[in-house]
Amino acid sequence: MRKTILKSSMKMLSFIVMMGVIFGVSLLAGCKSKNSADLVVYGKVFTAEGNQVVEAFAVKDGKYIYVGDKAGAEAFVEEGKTKVVDYTGKGLVMPGCGNGHAHYSMGYAIQSVGTIVSREDGVDKFLKEIVPNAVKKAKDTGTTSVFGQGWNMLTFPKTMSYRQQLDAICSDIPIYFADEEGHKGLANTILLVKAGIMKEDGTVLKKEIRGGEIVIGADGTPTGYLSEQAGTYVRSFMDNENLLSVDIAKGNMASIQQQLLSEGYTMYLDGYSSYFFNDNFYKAAQQMDQTGDMHFVLGTAWELDSWMDVDATLAKASDTQKYASEHIKPNWLKLFMDGTVESGTGFVEPLYPGGRQGIPNWSEEELTDITRKANAKGITMHVHVMGNKGVERVVNAFVNGGKDEMRNTLIHVYGVNPKDYKRMADHHIQVSEGLLWHHADNGLQEELAKILPEGMKDKGYPMKSFFDNGVNISSHSDFPALSGSPDDPFSIVEIAVTGVYHLENGKPWWPEELLTREQALTALTINVAKQMFIENERGSISVGKYADFLLVNKDVLTCPVTEIHTAKLEATYFEGKKVFSM
């Protein structure tokens, strides 16, 4: 009897153990399935969380669910379900980059409806070939304006009578060609007449536009050469609705996205989204996003020029909030404080040689009032400023009129007075800096030494000082206004680290302000996310954030410093999905 009971008990125990094993395996399988990732990546991973480098991460539903060592990531791999990318020893894995200020909307519009001028093209070729071809293109397609950009301000004499020369080519269609920086323009008579600058008979109606210059020739009439805000004023009288219709803008969006993703940019703040004085770019972006085809985060900025009505323009900027979405952030107002230091229109102290000052567009009181009104509407200031005197004025306005939490931003920034660094940090003022411009060939360095104010002759575009003082500095390219500089992130990193552009003959530019590689990558990633208010969602490889990352074919953290620019993208991922690959 005892044997029978024992035997039965043993059978029951075996059954219980077997069921427990089955249940345990099922439970583990269930847990495994629940915690499995859609994607696991191994390799050298720069997270942009400090200088942290890890071995792997896991992604589920477009977000990082694990970041750490390889062994930890392996636990999220489920055979047949998880895609594994082993990038070990192949280069660097890093967050998607950001471009804190550029003009892809403008650049691609020019390519589709206008004419690109190379900075190497001289005046003779411009007048004999480029403009006539642009006019023919316009007339063949029924376009009612001729528009272009790219001429070199250093080789196009300011004293020349461009208006008459353009009239000889075409007098019945408005012509406007901006320079490579977009701060100067050349116009024919019919456009100046439409803008109310002059009459057809040559009578001058306006000799100045606030914040700009209308160059007057020896005959007392405009030469057609326009500087700064005078150019934007005249350009506003072109047929801008047809130059950039919604359909044209939609076509451009695909090209813009392709360039961004092919260079590794997954965040981008468009610095002049109302370039054609309408909201068609916004509409095109919204339509792209609604169809699920937008694979980057777009910030937009409505422009307020010094000749515009402030309140009416603020109302237009505020109205663009209706386009906001997960991928579209219409949160900025763009202003010009001054021009460019190198061209002599920056607002500087001390003055330029000969006692000449640049062009300040706004008084401090006006800037303070605009900042107060914009911030009250939930709009962040995005101010182009180059000269140190201009920086001081804008910082004063941000401090006295702005809200620190709005992260009001300075763009470009050629010079800064030392006392202003701390004020920027204390009031969460952002800087989007032209790291790509921190170089100059030997000839340009000699030229700048002749034309710049004292203290700026061998200096420009500070970088390290922002890091040292705790100011959030992001990188921008200002495309297409590159001024002989590259657009891609890795060439920008090399310039920021060496102060030299590899395609030119120049000694390192302002070596005291050079960055480490980690700092340069930080300015290109998490710092752009902070500028765009999306650092809790993007900009670094961190659990809970969207999985926007790059596979780079070279370890730009350790390769020879002169080879950083040769790094290429193998792939760009946005929200866990590959959206570009070589």
Protein backbone atom coordinates (compact mmCIF):
# COMPACT_ATOMS: atom_id res chain seq x y z
CA MET A 1 0.00 0.00 0.00
CA ARG A 2 2.80 2.38 0.89
CA LYS A 3 4.52 1.52 -2.39
CA THR A 4 1.34 2.27 -4.29
CA ILE A 5 0.86 5.59 -2.51
CA LEU A 6 4.53 6.47 -3.01
CA LYS A 7 4.35 5.56 -6.65
CA SER A 8 1.23 7.68 -7.08
CA SER A 9 2.85 10.55 -5.24
CA MET A 10 5.93 10.37 -7.45
CA LYS A 11 3.76 10.45 -10.55
CA MET A 12 1.89 13.45 -9.18
CA LEU A 13 5.15 15.23 -8.33
CA SER A 14 6.54 14.57 -11.79
CA PHE A 15 3.35 15.90 -13.31
CA ILE A 16 3.53 19.03 -11.16
CA VAL A 17 7.18 19.59 -12.01
CA MET A 18 6.52 19.06 -15.70
CA MET A 19 3.59 21.48 -15.65
CA GLY A 20 5.70 23.95 -13.73
CA VAL A 21 8.42 23.75 -16.35
CA ILE A 22 5.91 24.20 -19.14
CA PHE A 23 4.28 27.11 -17.31
CA GLY A 24 7.68 28.64 -16.59
CA VAL A 25 8.79 28.34 -20.18
CA SER A 26 5.49 29.85 -21.32
CA LEU A 27 5.86 32.65 -18.79
CA LEU A 28 9.41 33.35 -19.91
CA ALA A 29 8.33 33.26 -23.52
CA GLY A 30 5.56 35.69 -22.71
CA CYS A 31 7.97 38.02 -20.93
CA LYS A 32 10.44 37.70 -23.78
CA SER A 33 7.78 38.57 -26.31
CA LYS A 34 6.61 41.46 -24.19
CA ASN A 35 10.15 42.92 -23.81
CA SER A 36 11.46 42.07 -27.25
CA ALA A 37 12.65 44.93 -29.42
CA ASP A 38 11.87 45.79 -33.01
CA LEU A 39 15.51 46.74 -33.55
CA VAL A 40 18.77 46.20 -31.71
CA VAL A 41 21.99 47.95 -32.73
CA TYR A 42 25.52 46.99 -31.61
CA GLY A 43 28.60 49.14 -32.12
CA LYS A 44 30.46 52.13 -30.75
CA VAL A 45 27.58 54.42 -29.79
CA PHE A 46 28.08 58.10 -28.95
CA THR A 47 24.92 58.99 -27.05
CA ALA A 48 25.33 62.80 -26.75
CA GLU A 49 24.45 62.36 -23.09
CA GLY A 50 27.59 64.07 -21.84
CA ASN A 51 30.52 62.29 -23.51
CA GLN A 52 29.00 58.86 -22.90
CA VAL A 53 29.86 56.00 -25.26
CA VAL A 54 28.00 52.68 -24.98
CA GLU A 55 27.92 49.36 -26.82
CA ALA A 56 24.31 48.93 -27.86
CA PHE A 57 20.69 50.00 -27.73
CA ALA A 58 17.25 48.52 -28.35
CA VAL A 59 14.27 50.17 -30.06
CA LYS A 60 10.57 49.39 -29.85
CA ASP A 61 7.71 51.33 -31.42
CA GLY A 62 10.14 53.98 -32.63
CA LYS A 63 11.71 54.74 -29.23
CA TYR A 64 14.75 53.60 -27.30
CA ILE A 65 13.84 51.04 -24.61
CA TYR A 66 17.38 50.14 -23.62
CA VAL A 67 20.78 51.86 -23.88
CA GLY A 68 23.88 50.23 -22.44
CA ASP A 69 26.17 47.24 -22.91
CA LYS A 70 25.83 44.54 -25.53
CA ALA A 71 24.86 41.83 -23.06
CA GLY A 72 21.96 43.89 -21.82
CA ALA A 73 20.73 44.57 -25.35
CA GLU A 74 20.84 40.89 -26.26
CA ALA A 75 18.02 40.22 -23.79
CA PHE A 76 15.72 42.23 -26.08
CA VAL A 77 16.42 40.11 -29.16
CA GLU A 78 13.66 37.71 -30.15
CA GLU A 79 14.47 35.45 -33.06
CA GLY A 80 12.27 36.10 -36.06
CA LYS A 81 10.97 39.38 -34.68
CA THR A 82 13.91 41.63 -33.79
CA LYS A 83 16.10 43.09 -36.53
CA VAL A 84 19.74 43.18 -35.40
CA VAL A 85 22.27 45.62 -36.86
CA ASP A 86 25.83 44.77 -35.82
CA TYR A 87 27.90 47.89 -36.55
CA THR A 88 30.80 46.84 -34.36
CA GLY A 89 34.14 47.98 -35.77
CA LYS A 90 32.52 49.70 -38.76
CA GLY A 91 32.52 53.32 -37.59
CA LEU A 92 30.31 55.30 -35.20
CA VAL A 93 26.65 55.18 -34.24
CA MET A 94 25.36 58.57 -33.08
CA PRO A 95 22.16 60.62 -32.74
CA GLY A 96 20.65 62.33 -35.74
CA CYS A 97 22.12 65.79 -36.27
CA GLY A 98 20.31 69.10 -36.22
CA ASN A 99 20.70 72.29 -38.24
CA GLY A 100 19.77 75.22 -36.02
CA HIS A 101 19.34 77.76 -38.83
CA ALA A 102 19.32 77.39 -42.60
CA HIS A 103 17.25 78.24 -45.66
CA TYR A 104 16.54 75.03 -47.54
CA SER A 105 13.05 76.34 -48.29
CA MET A 106 14.57 79.35 -50.03
CA GLY A 107 17.42 77.42 -51.65
CA TYR A 108 15.23 74.82 -53.28
CA ALA A 109 12.68 77.43 -54.32
CA ILE A 110 15.45 79.26 -56.15
CA GLN A 111 16.47 76.04 -57.87
CA SER A 112 12.90 75.34 -58.97
CA VAL A 113 11.76 78.83 -59.96
CA GLY A 114 14.96 80.87 -60.09
CA THR A 115 18.60 80.84 -61.08
CA ILE A 116 21.67 79.90 -59.08
CA VAL A 117 24.78 82.03 -59.57
CA SER A 118 28.14 80.56 -58.61
CA ARG A 119 30.31 82.71 -56.37
CA GLU A 120 33.06 82.19 -58.97
CA ASP A 121 30.95 83.80 -61.70
CA GLY A 122 32.09 87.33 -62.47
CA VAL A 123 30.04 90.39 -63.47
CA ASP A 124 30.70 89.84 -67.18
CA LYS A 125 29.36 86.28 -67.21
CA PHE A 126 26.48 87.33 -64.99
CA LEU A 127 25.30 90.04 -67.39
CA LYS A 128 26.11 88.29 -70.68
CA GLU A 129 25.03 84.72 -69.90
CA ILE A 130 23.30 84.14 -66.59
CA VAL A 131 20.70 86.93 -66.61
CA PRO A 132 19.76 86.53 -70.31
CA ASN A 133 19.28 82.77 -69.80
CA ALA A 134 17.18 83.42 -66.69
CA VAL A 135 14.99 85.88 -68.60
CA LYS A 136 14.50 83.42 -71.45
CA LYS A 137 13.57 80.69 -68.96
CA ALA A 138 11.02 83.00 -67.33
CA LYS A 139 9.41 84.04 -70.61
CA ASP A 140 9.34 80.48 -71.96
CA THR A 141 7.52 79.28 -68.83
CA GLY A 142 5.27 82.30 -68.41
CA THR A 143 6.89 83.33 -65.13
CA THR A 144 6.23 86.94 -64.23
CA SER A 145 9.43 87.55 -62.23
CA VAL A 146 13.10 86.68 -62.63
CA PHE A 147 14.72 85.62 -59.40
CA GLY A 148 18.15 84.26 -58.47
CA GLN A 149 20.92 84.19 -55.89
CA GLY A 150 24.61 83.57 -55.46
CA TRP A 151 26.77 86.42 -56.80
CA ASN A 152 29.93 87.22 -54.87
CA MET A 153 29.82 90.58 -53.08
CA LEU A 154 33.63 90.79 -53.17
CA THR A 155 33.80 90.68 -56.98
CA PHE A 156 30.68 92.70 -57.88
CA PRO A 157 31.60 96.42 -57.53
CA LYS A 158 29.11 98.36 -55.45
CA THR A 159 29.64 101.45 -57.62
CA MET A 160 28.41 99.84 -60.83
CA SER A 161 25.06 100.86 -62.41
CA TYR A 162 23.40 97.45 -62.44
CA ARG A 163 19.86 98.75 -62.97
CA GLN A 164 20.57 100.08 -66.46
CA GLN A 165 22.49 96.95 -67.42
CA LEU A 166 19.61 94.72 -66.29
CA ASP A 167 17.14 96.95 -68.14
CA ALA A 168 19.10 96.41 -71.35
CA ILE A 169 18.52 92.68 -70.93
CA CYS A 170 14.90 92.86 -69.80
CA SER A 171 12.80 95.89 -68.93
CA ASP A 172 9.28 94.39 -68.82
CA ILE A 173 9.68 91.69 -66.13
CA PRO A 174 10.92 92.43 -62.59
CA ILE A 175 14.43 91.09 -61.94
CA TYR A 176 15.99 90.49 -58.55
CA PHE A 177 19.26 88.64 -57.86
CA ALA A 178 20.39 88.25 -54.25
CA ASP A 179 24.07 87.78 -53.39
CA GLU A 180 25.46 84.57 -51.87
CA GLU A 181 24.67 85.72 -48.33
CA GLY A 182 21.19 86.97 -49.20
CA HIS A 183 21.95 90.39 -47.69
CA LYS A 184 22.29 92.33 -50.91
CA GLY A 185 20.39 92.40 -54.16
CA LEU A 186 20.40 93.71 -57.72
CA ALA A 187 17.15 94.97 -59.27
CA ASN A 188 15.99 96.42 -62.57
CA THR A 189 13.91 99.55 -63.02
CA ILE A 190 10.46 97.96 -63.30
CA LEU A 191 10.87 96.31 -59.91
CA LEU A 192 12.09 99.52 -58.29
CA VAL A 193 9.07 101.29 -59.78
CA LYS A 194 6.69 98.64 -58.42
CA ALA A 195 8.33 99.09 -55.00
CA GLY A 196 7.84 102.86 -55.11
CA ILE A 197 11.58 103.58 -55.04
CA MET A 198 11.46 105.60 -58.27
CA LYS A 199 9.26 106.57 -61.20
CA GLU A 200 9.74 105.31 -64.74
CA ASP A 201 11.08 108.71 -65.76
CA GLY A 202 13.88 108.41 -63.20
CA THR A 203 12.34 110.54 -60.46
CA VAL A 204 13.52 109.22 -57.11
CA LEU A 205 10.75 108.63 -54.56
CA LYS A 206 12.71 106.91 -51.79
CA LYS A 207 16.40 107.24 -51.05
CA GLU A 208 16.41 105.03 -48.00
CA ILE A 209 14.61 102.12 -46.40
CA ARG A 210 14.97 101.63 -42.70
CA GLY A 211 17.62 99.03 -41.96
CA GLY A 212 18.96 99.07 -45.50
CA GLU A 213 20.66 101.06 -48.20
CA ILE A 214 19.52 102.10 -51.66
CA VAL A 215 22.72 102.90 -53.51
CA ILE A 216 22.42 106.13 -55.51
CA GLY A 217 24.63 106.63 -58.55
CA ALA A 218 26.43 109.68 -59.87
CA ASP A 219 23.34 110.59 -61.92
CA GLY A 220 21.27 110.86 -58.73
CA THR A 221 19.17 107.75 -59.42
CA PRO A 222 19.29 104.25 -57.89
CA THR A 223 21.94 101.95 -59.35
CA GLY A 224 19.84 98.88 -58.56
CA TYR A 225 22.22 97.79 -55.79
CA LEU A 226 20.33 97.22 -52.52
CA SER A 227 21.72 96.31 -49.09
CA GLU A 228 20.07 94.55 -46.16
CA GLN A 229 16.41 95.45 -45.46
CA ALA A 230 16.16 97.58 -48.61
CA GLY A 231 16.57 94.34 -50.54
CA THR A 232 13.80 92.48 -48.71
CA TYR A 233 11.52 95.48 -49.10
CA VAL A 234 11.98 95.62 -52.87
CA ARG A 235 11.76 91.84 -53.21
CA SER A 236 8.36 91.88 -51.49
CA PHE A 237 6.93 93.53 -54.62
CA MET A 238 7.73 90.56 -56.86
CA ASP A 239 5.07 88.05 -57.88
CA ASN A 240 5.82 85.94 -54.81
CA GLU A 241 2.60 83.90 -54.82
CA ASN A 242 3.54 82.43 -58.20
CA LEU A 243 7.22 82.20 -57.40
CA LEU A 244 6.36 79.88 -54.52
CA SER A 245 2.92 78.35 -54.86
CA VAL A 246 1.82 75.52 -52.56
CA ASP A 247 2.37 72.99 -55.34
CA ILE A 248 5.93 74.21 -55.93
CA ALA A 249 6.60 74.18 -52.19
CA LYS A 250 5.28 70.60 -51.94
CA GLY A 251 7.65 69.50 -54.68
CA ASN A 252 10.51 71.23 -52.89
CA MET A 253 9.74 69.51 -49.57
CA ALA A 254 10.72 66.11 -50.94
CA SER A 255 14.05 67.50 -52.17
CA ILE A 256 14.68 69.29 -48.87
CA GLN A 257 14.04 66.11 -46.92
CA GLN A 258 16.29 64.08 -49.20
CA GLN A 259 19.21 66.46 -48.68
CA LEU A 260 18.69 66.65 -44.92
CA LEU A 261 18.52 62.89 -44.45
CA SER A 262 21.41 62.22 -46.82
CA GLU A 263 23.61 64.50 -44.71
CA GLY A 264 22.38 63.16 -41.38
CA TYR A 265 20.03 65.97 -40.30
CA THR A 266 16.85 64.83 -38.56
CA MET A 267 16.11 68.23 -36.93
CA TYR A 268 16.03 71.50 -38.83
CA LEU A 269 14.99 75.07 -38.03
CA ASP A 270 14.12 76.99 -41.19
CA GLY A 271 15.41 80.51 -40.65
CA TYR A 272 13.10 82.42 -43.00
CA SER A 273 9.95 80.40 -43.65
CA SER A 274 8.06 83.42 -45.01
CA TYR A 275 10.79 84.21 -47.55
CA PHE A 276 8.19 84.64 -50.29
CA PHE A 277 5.89 86.64 -48.00
CA ASN A 278 3.26 83.90 -47.77
CA ASP A 279 2.62 80.73 -45.76
CA ASN A 280 2.79 78.28 -48.66
CA PHE A 281 5.88 76.56 -47.24
CA TYR A 282 3.94 75.92 -44.03
CA LYS A 283 1.01 74.46 -45.96
CA ALA A 284 3.29 72.18 -47.95
CA ALA A 285 4.99 70.91 -44.81
CA GLN A 286 1.65 70.25 -43.14
CA GLN A 287 0.40 68.25 -46.13
CA MET A 288 3.60 66.20 -46.19
CA ASP A 289 3.28 65.46 -42.48
CA GLN A 290 -0.39 64.52 -42.72
CA THR A 291 0.40 61.85 -45.32
CA GLY A 292 3.06 60.33 -43.05
CA ASP A 293 5.92 61.25 -45.36
CA MET A 294 7.83 63.67 -43.10
CA HIS A 295 10.93 62.05 -41.62
CA PHE A 296 12.49 64.98 -39.77
CA VAL A 297 11.40 67.63 -37.28
CA LEU A 298 10.89 71.05 -38.85
CA GLY A 299 11.03 74.35 -37.00
CA THR A 300 9.76 77.44 -38.79
CA ALA A 301 10.36 81.17 -38.34
CA TRP A 302 8.21 84.02 -39.65
CA GLU A 303 10.29 87.08 -40.52
CA LEU A 304 9.79 90.60 -39.19
CA ASP A 305 11.79 93.16 -41.19
CA SER A 306 12.36 96.68 -39.92
CA TRP A 307 10.10 98.19 -42.60
CA MET A 308 7.14 96.00 -41.60
CA ASP A 309 4.30 96.76 -39.20
CA VAL A 310 5.26 94.99 -35.98
CA ASP A 311 1.83 94.10 -34.63
CA ALA A 312 0.49 92.92 -37.99
CA THR A 313 3.56 90.74 -38.52
CA LEU A 314 3.34 89.29 -35.01
CA ALA A 315 -0.29 88.39 -35.74
CA LYS A 316 0.82 86.51 -38.88
CA ALA A 317 3.55 84.72 -36.96
CA SER A 318 1.08 83.73 -34.25
CA ASP A 319 -1.38 82.46 -36.86
CA THR A 320 1.18 79.88 -38.07
CA GLN A 321 0.61 77.97 -34.82
CA LYS A 322 -2.26 76.28 -36.64
CA TYR A 323 0.32 74.24 -38.55
CA ALA A 324 1.87 72.75 -35.37
CA SER A 325 2.25 68.98 -35.06
CA GLU A 326 4.63 66.35 -33.69
CA HIS A 327 6.98 67.10 -36.59
CA ILE A 328 6.26 70.79 -37.26
CA LYS A 329 7.18 73.43 -34.69
CA PRO A 330 6.12 76.93 -35.90
CA ASN A 331 7.45 78.69 -32.82
CA TRP A 332 9.90 81.39 -33.94
CA LEU A 333 10.02 85.01 -35.09
CA LYS A 334 13.05 85.97 -37.19
CA LEU A 335 14.59 89.46 -37.09
CA PHE A 336 17.73 91.09 -38.45
CA MET A 337 19.57 93.13 -35.83
CA ASP A 338 22.37 94.06 -38.24
CA GLY A 339 24.12 92.86 -41.39
CA THR A 340 27.40 90.96 -41.62
CA VAL A 341 30.65 92.01 -39.99
CA GLU A 342 32.79 90.94 -42.95
CA SER A 343 30.85 93.11 -45.41
CA GLY A 344 30.92 96.20 -43.19
CA THR A 345 27.25 96.18 -42.14
CA GLY A 346 27.65 94.55 -38.71
CA PHE A 347 26.84 96.70 -35.64
CA VAL A 348 30.25 96.86 -33.97
CA GLU A 349 32.35 98.48 -31.28
CA PRO A 350 34.95 99.84 -31.92
CA LEU A 351 33.96 101.25 -35.29
CA TYR A 352 35.23 100.12 -38.66
CA PRO A 353 38.39 101.83 -39.99
CA GLY A 354 37.63 105.45 -40.84
CA GLY A 355 35.03 105.69 -38.09
CA ARG A 356 32.28 103.98 -40.06
CA GLN A 357 29.45 102.04 -38.36
CA GLY A 358 27.36 99.20 -39.75
CA ILE A 359 23.56 99.03 -40.03
CA PRO A 360 21.57 98.48 -36.81
CA ASN A 361 17.95 97.76 -37.73
CA TRP A 362 16.28 98.18 -34.34
CA SER A 363 16.68 100.32 -31.25
CA GLU A 364 17.00 98.54 -27.91
CA GLU A 365 13.60 99.83 -26.85
CA GLU A 366 11.96 98.43 -29.98
CA LEU A 367 13.66 95.05 -29.59
CA THR A 368 12.61 94.88 -25.95
CA ASP A 369 9.01 95.62 -26.86
CA ILE A 370 8.98 93.08 -29.71
CA THR A 371 10.51 90.43 -27.46
CA ARG A 372 7.90 91.07 -24.78
CA LYS A 373 5.03 90.83 -27.27
CA ALA A 374 6.40 87.75 -29.05
CA ASN A 375 7.11 85.81 -25.85
CA ALA A 376 3.65 86.64 -24.55
CA LYS A 377 2.24 84.92 -27.65
CA GLY A 378 4.41 81.84 -27.07
CA ILE A 379 6.81 82.82 -29.86
CA THR A 380 10.58 82.59 -29.42
CA MET A 381 12.85 85.30 -30.81
CA HIS A 382 15.31 84.15 -33.49
CA VAL A 383 17.57 87.12 -34.17
CA HIS A 384 20.29 87.43 -36.79
CA VAL A 385 23.10 89.37 -35.14
CA MET A 386 26.79 89.51 -36.00
CA GLY A 387 28.52 92.52 -34.44
CA ASN A 388 29.39 92.59 -30.73
CA LYS A 389 27.48 95.85 -30.26
CA GLY A 390 24.45 94.23 -31.83
CA VAL A 391 24.81 91.19 -29.56
CA GLU A 392 24.86 93.44 -26.51
CA ARG A 393 21.70 95.24 -27.66
CA VAL A 394 19.82 92.00 -28.34
CA VAL A 395 20.88 90.45 -25.03
CA ASN A 396 19.65 93.59 -23.24
CA ALA A 397 16.29 93.23 -24.97
CA PHE A 398 16.01 89.53 -24.13
CA VAL A 399 16.91 90.15 -20.49
CA ASN A 400 14.61 93.14 -20.02
CA GLY A 401 11.67 92.11 -22.20
CA GLY A 402 11.80 88.37 -22.55
CA LYS A 403 10.89 85.26 -20.61
CA ASP A 404 13.87 83.04 -19.80
CA GLU A 405 11.86 79.89 -20.49
CA MET A 406 11.28 81.01 -24.10
CA ARG A 407 14.97 80.37 -24.95
CA ASN A 408 15.31 83.45 -27.14
CA THR A 409 18.07 82.88 -29.64
CA LEU A 410 20.99 84.69 -31.28
CA ILE A 411 21.96 83.57 -34.78
CA HIS A 412 25.46 83.68 -36.38
CA VAL A 413 27.26 85.83 -33.75
CA TYR A 414 30.63 87.01 -35.09
CA GLY A 415 31.66 88.86 -31.92
CA VAL A 416 30.68 88.91 -28.24
CA ASN A 417 31.71 91.26 -25.44
CA PRO A 418 33.03 89.09 -22.57
CA LYS A 419 30.43 90.31 -20.05
CA ASP A 420 27.59 89.10 -22.26
CA TYR A 421 28.45 85.40 -22.03
CA LYS A 422 27.30 85.14 -18.41
CA ARG A 423 24.12 87.08 -19.10
CA MET A 424 23.26 84.65 -21.89
CA ALA A 425 23.77 81.68 -19.59
CA ASP A 426 21.86 83.23 -16.70
CA HIS A 427 18.81 83.94 -18.87
CA HIS A 428 18.83 80.71 -20.95
CA ILE A 429 19.60 82.64 -24.13
CA GLN A 430 20.50 80.25 -26.94
CA VAL A 431 23.12 80.72 -29.65
CA SER A 432 23.04 79.02 -33.03
CA GLU A 433 26.56 79.56 -34.28
CA GLY A 434 28.12 79.24 -37.71
CA LEU A 435 30.74 76.66 -36.75
CA LEU A 436 31.29 76.07 -40.46
CA TRP A 437 32.56 79.67 -40.83
CA HIS A 438 35.33 79.32 -38.25
CA HIS A 439 38.00 79.36 -40.96
CA ALA A 440 39.50 81.70 -43.54
CA ASP A 441 42.13 81.14 -46.19
CA ASN A 442 45.33 83.15 -45.94
CA GLY A 443 44.20 85.69 -48.52
CA LEU A 444 40.92 86.35 -46.74
CA GLN A 445 42.66 86.62 -43.39
CA GLU A 446 44.89 89.33 -44.85
CA GLU A 447 41.88 91.12 -46.33
CA LEU A 448 39.91 90.99 -43.08
CA ALA A 449 42.87 92.48 -41.23
CA LYS A 450 42.50 95.57 -43.43
CA ILE A 451 38.75 96.10 -43.19
CA LEU A 452 37.67 94.91 -39.73
CA PRO A 453 37.60 96.90 -36.48
CA GLU A 454 40.36 96.55 -33.93
CA GLY A 455 40.08 93.36 -31.90
CA MET A 456 38.23 91.51 -34.69
CA LYS A 457 40.93 91.32 -37.34
CA ASP A 458 41.96 87.76 -36.52
CA LYS A 459 38.83 86.65 -34.67
CA GLY A 460 35.31 85.64 -35.56
CA TYR A 461 32.58 83.15 -34.63
CA PRO A 462 33.47 82.19 -31.05
CA MET A 463 32.71 78.59 -30.08
CA LYS A 464 34.55 77.35 -26.99
CA SER A 465 33.62 80.43 -24.93
CA PHE A 466 29.96 79.46 -25.14
CA PHE A 467 30.71 76.01 -23.73
CA ASP A 468 33.00 77.48 -21.07
CA ASN A 469 30.27 79.86 -19.92
CA GLY A 470 27.39 77.39 -19.97
CA VAL A 471 25.59 78.86 -22.98
CA ASN A 472 23.66 76.38 -25.12
CA ILE A 473 25.37 76.60 -28.52
CA SER A 474 23.99 74.75 -31.52
CA SER A 475 25.42 74.43 -35.00
CA HIS A 476 23.86 75.80 -38.17
CA SER A 477 24.90 75.82 -41.82
CA ASP A 478 22.79 78.74 -43.15
CA PHE A 479 22.37 76.82 -46.44
CA PRO A 480 22.48 78.00 -49.21
CA ALA A 481 24.45 81.00 -47.87
CA LEU A 482 27.51 78.85 -47.18
CA SER A 483 30.09 81.42 -48.32
CA GLY A 484 32.56 78.79 -49.46
CA SER A 485 31.93 76.44 -46.53
CA PRO A 486 30.51 72.89 -46.41
CA ASP A 487 26.98 71.91 -45.37
CA ASP A 488 27.52 68.37 -44.07
CA PRO A 489 28.00 67.73 -40.32
CA PHE A 490 31.35 65.98 -40.50
CA SER A 491 33.11 68.70 -42.47
CA ILE A 492 31.64 71.14 -39.96
CA VAL A 493 33.07 69.07 -37.09
CA GLU A 494 36.53 69.11 -38.68
CA ILE A 495 36.43 72.90 -39.08
CA ALA A 496 35.26 73.36 -35.48
CA VAL A 497 38.10 71.16 -34.22
CA THR A 498 40.93 72.41 -36.47
CA GLY A 499 39.91 75.94 -37.55
CA VAL A 500 40.83 74.96 -41.11
CA TYR A 501 38.76 74.01 -44.16
CA HIS A 502 40.59 71.24 -45.99
CA LEU A 503 39.90 72.67 -49.46
CA GLU A 504 41.70 75.95 -48.86
CA ASN A 505 45.14 77.21 -47.89
CA GLY A 506 44.80 78.78 -44.48
CA LYS A 507 46.29 78.71 -41.03
CA PRO A 508 44.02 77.79 -38.10
CA TRP A 509 41.48 80.52 -37.41
CA TRP A 510 41.31 81.76 -33.79
CA PRO A 511 42.75 78.57 -32.21
CA GLU A 512 41.71 79.58 -28.68
CA GLU A 513 38.07 79.03 -29.66
CA LEU A 514 38.40 75.56 -31.20
CA LEU A 515 36.25 72.71 -29.86
CA THR A 516 36.82 69.10 -28.93
CA ARG A 517 35.19 66.51 -31.16
CA GLU A 518 32.67 65.70 -28.45
CA GLN A 519 31.74 69.37 -28.10
CA ALA A 520 31.28 69.74 -31.84
CA LEU A 521 29.03 66.68 -31.97
CA THR A 522 27.10 67.97 -28.97
CA ALA A 523 26.49 71.28 -30.79
CA LEU A 524 25.16 69.28 -33.73
CA THR A 525 22.84 67.00 -31.75
CA ILE A 526 21.38 67.52 -28.29
CA ASN A 527 22.06 71.27 -28.31
CA VAL A 528 19.94 71.72 -31.44
CA ALA A 529 17.20 69.71 -29.74
CA LYS A 530 17.41 72.08 -26.76
CA GLN A 531 17.20 75.09 -29.06
CA MET A 532 14.05 73.56 -30.61
CA PHE A 533 12.46 72.58 -27.23
CA ILE A 534 12.55 68.87 -28.10
CA GLU A 535 15.45 67.67 -25.93
CA ASN A 536 13.12 65.41 -23.92
CA GLU A 537 12.12 63.63 -27.13
CA ARG A 538 15.15 63.74 -29.42
CA GLY A 539 18.77 64.80 -29.82
CA SER A 540 20.47 62.02 -27.85
CA ILE A 541 20.36 58.24 -27.53
CA SER A 542 18.46 57.81 -24.29
CA VAL A 543 15.67 55.55 -23.04
CA GLY A 544 12.26 57.00 -23.81
CA LYS A 545 13.36 59.24 -26.69
CA TYR A 546 12.60 58.74 -30.36
CA ALA A 547 15.21 56.59 -32.10
CA ASP A 548 16.67 59.12 -34.54
CA PHE A 549 20.23 57.97 -35.22
CA LEU A 550 23.00 57.65 -37.79
CA LEU A 551 25.36 54.91 -38.90
CA VAL A 552 28.61 56.67 -39.84
CA ASN A 553 31.32 54.78 -41.75
CA LYS A 554 34.18 56.34 -39.79
CA ASP A 555 34.79 56.76 -36.07
CA VAL A 556 34.98 60.55 -36.07
CA LEU A 557 35.88 60.49 -32.36
CA THR A 558 39.24 58.80 -32.92
CA CYS A 559 40.20 58.96 -36.61
CA PRO A 560 42.97 61.37 -37.69
CA VAL A 561 41.55 64.86 -37.27
CA THR A 562 42.18 65.73 -40.92
CA GLU A 563 40.04 62.77 -42.01
CA ILE A 564 36.86 63.68 -40.15
CA HIS A 565 35.44 65.37 -43.25
CA THR A 566 35.71 62.10 -45.20
CA ALA A 567 33.12 60.40 -42.96
CA LYS A 568 30.00 59.33 -44.84
CA LEU A 569 26.60 58.11 -43.79
CA GLU A 570 25.72 54.45 -44.18
CA ALA A 571 22.17 55.13 -43.00
CA THR A 572 19.85 57.59 -41.31
CA TYR A 573 17.08 56.33 -39.02
CA PHE A 574 14.08 58.38 -37.92
CA GLU A 575 11.79 57.08 -35.20
CA GLY A 576 13.36 53.66 -35.51
CA LYS A 577 12.94 53.33 -39.28
CA LYS A 578 15.66 53.57 -41.91
CA VAL A 579 14.81 56.61 -44.03
CA PHE A 580 18.10 56.96 -45.92
CA SER A 581 20.89 54.58 -46.88
CA MET A 582 23.87 54.66 -49.20
